[in-house]
Amino acid sequence: MALTQFLYDPFTEFDRLFDDAFTSRFRADSDESRPTIIRPKMDLVETKDHFVVARFELPGMGQGDINVEVRNGRLTISGEKKTETNDDDRFAVRECSFGRLARTLQLPEGTKPEQVQADMKNGVLKVTFPKAPPGESMTIPIIEASTTDKEKGSKK
């Protein structure tokens, strides 16, 4: 089973690594002061019935908190996870993330927006779209040049 080809931008990962490494050293003590962009974790699965399913982990978020958009052949998942704190709360440990989230995927060529379906259950967003049809290929035979073609080429 061949996987559908998606465009991968390795610089996105480098940007995230540098952002994580450098901003954590120079960040203010208060987590409230920094805007956070969350990149939700994703599984991409190709089914036997020629569909691709993208599953995004979005714990603590509901259907109304997420936007799914198709534009220019790209699928974008975006939204915002709100913090659940009171002004009187003081954290000893804070590991839960909050803030804006976004993730973009290149859809297979020819995918129409109406072919993309999304549903959400238990904090997992499932987006389904058709797999790209196999590209047409053809073997081109190489023909040996005739002697008359060789003579024409040598008479310059």
C-alpha atoms as a PDB file:
ATOM      1  CA  MET A   1       0.000   0.000   0.000  1.00  0.00           C
ATOM      2  CA  ALA A   2       1.602   3.262  -1.140  1.00  0.00           C
ATOM      3  CA  LEU A   3       1.178   6.316   1.024  1.00  0.00           C
ATOM      4  CA  THR A   4      -0.179   9.522  -0.407  1.00  0.00           C
ATOM      5  CA  GLN A   5       2.522  12.105  -1.013  1.00  0.00           C
ATOM      6  CA  PHE A   6       2.350  15.204   1.176  1.00  0.00           C
ATOM      7  CA  LEU A   7       4.632  18.188   1.034  1.00  0.00           C
ATOM      8  CA  TYR A   8       6.820  18.346   4.123  1.00  0.00           C
ATOM      9  CA  ASP A   9       8.592  21.477   5.150  1.00  0.00           C
ATOM     10  CA  PRO A  10      11.563  20.539   7.382  1.00  0.00           C
ATOM     11  CA  PHE A  11      12.132  24.194   8.268  1.00  0.00           C
ATOM     12  CA  THR A  12       8.887  24.197  10.263  1.00  0.00           C
ATOM     13  CA  GLU A  13      10.452  21.665  12.648  1.00  0.00           C
ATOM     14  CA  PHE A  14      13.685  23.693  12.885  1.00  0.00           C
ATOM     15  CA  ASP A  15      11.703  26.855  13.636  1.00  0.00           C
ATOM     16  CA  ARG A  16       9.783  25.046  16.376  1.00  0.00           C
ATOM     17  CA  LEU A  17      12.993  23.636  17.901  1.00  0.00           C
ATOM     18  CA  PHE A  18      14.712  27.038  17.966  1.00  0.00           C
ATOM     19  CA  ASP A  19      11.596  28.728  19.325  1.00  0.00           C
ATOM     20  CA  ASP A  20      11.318  26.156  22.106  1.00  0.00           C
ATOM     21  CA  ALA A  21      15.015  26.349  22.954  1.00  0.00           C
ATOM     22  CA  PHE A  22      15.466  30.113  22.966  1.00  0.00           C
ATOM     23  CA  THR A  23      12.139  31.504  24.086  1.00  0.00           C
ATOM     24  CA  SER A  24      12.070  29.291  27.188  1.00  0.00           C
ATOM     25  CA  ARG A  25      15.346  30.885  28.385  1.00  0.00           C
ATOM     26  CA  PHE A  26      14.176  34.469  27.954  1.00  0.00           C
ATOM     27  CA  ARG A  27      10.503  34.104  28.828  1.00  0.00           C
ATOM     28  CA  ALA A  28       8.924  36.118  31.587  1.00  0.00           C
ATOM     29  CA  ASP A  29       8.062  34.201  34.774  1.00  0.00           C
ATOM     30  CA  SER A  30       4.342  34.476  34.128  1.00  0.00           C
ATOM     31  CA  ASP A  31       2.918  32.065  31.588  1.00  0.00           C
ATOM     32  CA  GLU A  32       0.034  34.488  31.138  1.00  0.00           C
ATOM     33  CA  SER A  33       2.346  37.036  29.486  1.00  0.00           C
ATOM     34  CA  ARG A  34       3.417  34.911  26.531  1.00  0.00           C
ATOM     35  CA  PRO A  35       1.254  33.999  23.578  1.00  0.00           C
ATOM     36  CA  THR A  36       1.596  30.327  22.759  1.00  0.00           C
ATOM     37  CA  ILE A  37       0.978  28.660  19.424  1.00  0.00           C
ATOM     38  CA  ILE A  38       0.218  25.005  19.909  1.00  0.00           C
ATOM     39  CA  ARG A  39       0.964  22.556  17.112  1.00  0.00           C
ATOM     40  CA  PRO A  40      -1.441  19.701  17.780  1.00  0.00           C
ATOM     41  CA  LYS A  41      -0.144  16.155  17.467  1.00  0.00           C
ATOM     42  CA  MET A  42      -1.417  14.279  14.441  1.00  0.00           C
ATOM     43  CA  ASP A  43      -1.650  10.758  13.050  1.00  0.00           C
ATOM     44  CA  LEU A  44      -2.073  10.365   9.289  1.00  0.00           C
ATOM     45  CA  VAL A  45      -3.547   7.052   8.138  1.00  0.00           C
ATOM     46  CA  GLU A  46      -4.300   5.712   4.668  1.00  0.00           C
ATOM     47  CA  THR A  47      -7.347   3.416   4.575  1.00  0.00           C
ATOM     48  CA  LYS A  48      -8.014   0.439   2.300  1.00  0.00           C
ATOM     49  CA  ASP A  49     -10.967   2.242   0.705  1.00  0.00           C
ATOM     50  CA  HIS A  50      -8.706   4.983  -0.760  1.00  0.00           C
ATOM     51  CA  PHE A  51      -9.166   7.655   1.904  1.00  0.00           C
ATOM     52  CA  VAL A  52      -6.707   9.480   4.127  1.00  0.00           C
ATOM     53  CA  VAL A  53      -7.641  10.118   7.755  1.00  0.00           C
ATOM     54  CA  ALA A  54      -5.878  12.791   9.805  1.00  0.00           C
ATOM     55  CA  ARG A  55      -6.461  12.511  13.566  1.00  0.00           C
ATOM     56  CA  PHE A  56      -5.566  15.521  15.711  1.00  0.00           C
ATOM     57  CA  GLU A  57      -5.252  15.343  19.515  1.00  0.00           C
ATOM     58  CA  LEU A  58      -7.113  18.311  20.999  1.00  0.00           C
ATOM     59  CA  PRO A  59      -7.706  17.473  24.683  1.00  0.00           C
ATOM     60  CA  GLY A  60     -10.027  19.772  26.573  1.00  0.00           C
ATOM     61  CA  MET A  61     -11.409  21.356  23.410  1.00  0.00           C
ATOM     62  CA  GLY A  62     -14.873  21.135  21.957  1.00  0.00           C
ATOM     63  CA  GLN A  63     -16.261  21.269  18.468  1.00  0.00           C
ATOM     64  CA  GLY A  64     -16.996  24.997  18.808  1.00  0.00           C
ATOM     65  CA  ASP A  65     -13.343  25.770  19.633  1.00  0.00           C
ATOM     66  CA  ILE A  66     -11.955  24.393  16.333  1.00  0.00           C
ATOM     67  CA  ASN A  67     -12.010  25.713  12.758  1.00  0.00           C
ATOM     68  CA  VAL A  68     -11.397  23.425   9.781  1.00  0.00           C
ATOM     69  CA  GLU A  69     -10.709  25.252   6.529  1.00  0.00           C
ATOM     70  CA  VAL A  70      -9.671  24.250   2.996  1.00  0.00           C
ATOM     71  CA  ARG A  71      -8.022  26.957   0.910  1.00  0.00           C
ATOM     72  CA  ASN A  72      -5.680  26.717  -2.084  1.00  0.00           C
ATOM     73  CA  GLY A  73      -5.291  22.961  -1.721  1.00  0.00           C
ATOM     74  CA  ARG A  74      -4.355  23.164   1.961  1.00  0.00           C
ATOM     75  CA  LEU A  75      -6.230  21.906   5.003  1.00  0.00           C
ATOM     76  CA  THR A  76      -5.834  24.150   8.052  1.00  0.00           C
ATOM     77  CA  ILE A  77      -6.927  23.254  11.567  1.00  0.00           C
ATOM     78  CA  SER A  78      -7.005  26.250  13.909  1.00  0.00           C
ATOM     79  CA  GLY A  79      -8.561  27.356  17.159  1.00  0.00           C
ATOM     80  CA  GLU A  80      -7.817  28.471  20.667  1.00  0.00           C
ATOM     81  CA  LYS A  81      -7.561  26.600  23.938  1.00  0.00           C
ATOM     82  CA  LYS A  82      -8.528  28.877  26.807  1.00  0.00           C
ATOM     83  CA  THR A  83      -6.833  28.792  30.180  1.00  0.00           C
ATOM     84  CA  GLU A  84      -9.006  27.820  33.122  1.00  0.00           C
ATOM     85  CA  THR A  85      -7.663  29.966  35.949  1.00  0.00           C
ATOM     86  CA  ASN A  86      -8.917  32.472  38.442  1.00  0.00           C
ATOM     87  CA  ASP A  87      -7.029  35.622  39.363  1.00  0.00           C
ATOM     88  CA  ASP A  88      -6.553  34.171  42.865  1.00  0.00           C
ATOM     89  CA  ASP A  89      -4.918  30.946  41.602  1.00  0.00           C
ATOM     90  CA  ARG A  90      -1.187  30.498  42.169  1.00  0.00           C
ATOM     91  CA  PHE A  91       0.419  27.539  40.451  1.00  0.00           C
ATOM     92  CA  ALA A  92       3.065  25.368  42.048  1.00  0.00           C
ATOM     93  CA  VAL A  93       3.356  23.398  38.771  1.00  0.00           C
ATOM     94  CA  ARG A  94       1.765  24.247  35.436  1.00  0.00           C
ATOM     95  CA  GLU A  95       2.127  21.751  32.595  1.00  0.00           C
ATOM     96  CA  CYS A  96      -1.154  22.128  30.719  1.00  0.00           C
ATOM     97  CA  SER A  97      -0.854  24.132  27.511  1.00  0.00           C
ATOM     98  CA  PHE A  98      -3.199  26.825  26.288  1.00  0.00           C
ATOM     99  CA  GLY A  99      -3.303  29.408  23.548  1.00  0.00           C
ATOM    100  CA  ARG A 100      -3.814  29.463  19.799  1.00  0.00           C
ATOM    101  CA  LEU A 101      -3.319  26.298  17.814  1.00  0.00           C
ATOM    102  CA  ALA A 102      -2.723  25.728  14.121  1.00  0.00           C
ATOM    103  CA  ARG A 103      -1.683  22.915  11.801  1.00  0.00           C
ATOM    104  CA  THR A 104      -1.688  22.901   7.985  1.00  0.00           C
ATOM    105  CA  LEU A 105      -1.516  19.967   5.569  1.00  0.00           C
ATOM    106  CA  GLN A 106      -1.149  19.911   1.801  1.00  0.00           C
ATOM    107  CA  LEU A 107      -4.128  18.041   0.350  1.00  0.00           C
ATOM    108  CA  PRO A 108      -3.704  15.646  -2.573  1.00  0.00           C
ATOM    109  CA  GLU A 109      -3.950  17.421  -5.926  1.00  0.00           C
ATOM    110  CA  GLY A 110      -7.527  17.667  -7.186  1.00  0.00           C
ATOM    111  CA  THR A 111      -9.193  17.369  -3.759  1.00  0.00           C
ATOM    112  CA  LYS A 112     -12.345  19.499  -3.672  1.00  0.00           C
ATOM    113  CA  PRO A 113     -13.321  21.245  -0.401  1.00  0.00           C
ATOM    114  CA  GLU A 114     -16.674  19.434  -0.348  1.00  0.00           C
ATOM    115  CA  GLN A 115     -14.810  16.088  -0.270  1.00  0.00           C
ATOM    116  CA  VAL A 116     -13.261  16.893   3.126  1.00  0.00           C
ATOM    117  CA  GLN A 117     -15.226  15.681   6.158  1.00  0.00           C
ATOM    118  CA  ALA A 118     -14.535  16.356   9.840  1.00  0.00           C
ATOM    119  CA  ASP A 119     -15.931  14.981  13.078  1.00  0.00           C
ATOM    120  CA  MET A 120     -14.846  15.246  16.696  1.00  0.00           C
ATOM    121  CA  LYS A 121     -15.191  12.817  19.573  1.00  0.00           C
ATOM    122  CA  ASN A 122     -13.495  12.735  23.001  1.00  0.00           C
ATOM    123  CA  GLY A 123     -10.988  15.478  22.141  1.00  0.00           C
ATOM    124  CA  VAL A 124      -9.880  13.863  18.882  1.00  0.00           C
ATOM    125  CA  LEU A 125     -10.644  15.642  15.608  1.00  0.00           C
ATOM    126  CA  LYS A 126     -10.848  13.252  12.650  1.00  0.00           C
ATOM    127  CA  VAL A 127     -10.585  14.771   9.163  1.00  0.00           C
ATOM    128  CA  THR A 128     -11.146  12.466   6.170  1.00  0.00           C
ATOM    129  CA  PHE A 129     -10.402  13.187   2.506  1.00  0.00           C
ATOM    130  CA  PRO A 130      -9.874  11.092  -0.651  1.00  0.00           C
ATOM    131  CA  LYS A 131      -6.471   9.710  -1.462  1.00  0.00           C
ATOM    132  CA  ALA A 132      -4.764  11.058  -4.579  1.00  0.00           C
ATOM    133  CA  PRO A 133      -5.314   8.841  -7.616  1.00  0.00           C
ATOM    134  CA  PRO A 134      -2.167   7.158  -8.874  1.00  0.00           C
ATOM    135  CA  GLY A 135      -0.384   9.300 -11.411  1.00  0.00           C
ATOM    136  CA  GLU A 136      -0.359   8.103 -14.971  1.00  0.00           C
ATOM    137  CA  SER A 137       2.950   6.821 -16.222  1.00  0.00           C
ATOM    138  CA  MET A 138       4.054   5.649 -19.596  1.00  0.00           C
ATOM    139  CA  THR A 139       7.311   4.181 -20.836  1.00  0.00           C
ATOM    140  CA  ILE A 140       8.645   6.086 -23.821  1.00  0.00           C
ATOM    141  CA  PRO A 141      10.630   3.944 -26.253  1.00  0.00           C
ATOM    142  CA  ILE A 142      13.940   5.318 -27.481  1.00  0.00           C
ATOM    143  CA  ILE A 143      14.170   5.132 -31.245  1.00  0.00           C
ATOM    144  CA  GLU A 144      17.553   4.862 -32.925  1.00  0.00           C
ATOM    145  CA  ALA A 145      18.153   7.756 -35.295  1.00  0.00           C
ATOM    146  CA  SER A 146      18.041   6.715 -38.962  1.00  0.00           C
ATOM    147  CA  THR A 147      21.092   7.073 -41.189  1.00  0.00           C
ATOM    148  CA  THR A 148      19.478   9.950 -43.097  1.00  0.00           C
ATOM    149  CA  ASP A 149      18.992  11.865 -39.811  1.00  0.00           C
ATOM    150  CA  LYS A 150      22.658  11.284 -38.929  1.00  0.00           C
ATOM    151  CA  GLU A 151      23.793  12.598 -42.328  1.00  0.00           C
ATOM    152  CA  LYS A 152      21.669  15.727 -42.010  1.00  0.00           C
ATOM    153  CA  GLY A 153      23.153  16.452 -38.611  1.00  0.00           C
ATOM    154  CA  SER A 154      26.736  16.094 -39.850  1.00  0.00           C
ATOM    155  CA  LYS A 155      26.366  18.381 -42.909  1.00  0.00           C
ATOM    156  CA  LYS A 156      26.634  21.766 -41.237  1.00  0.00           C
END
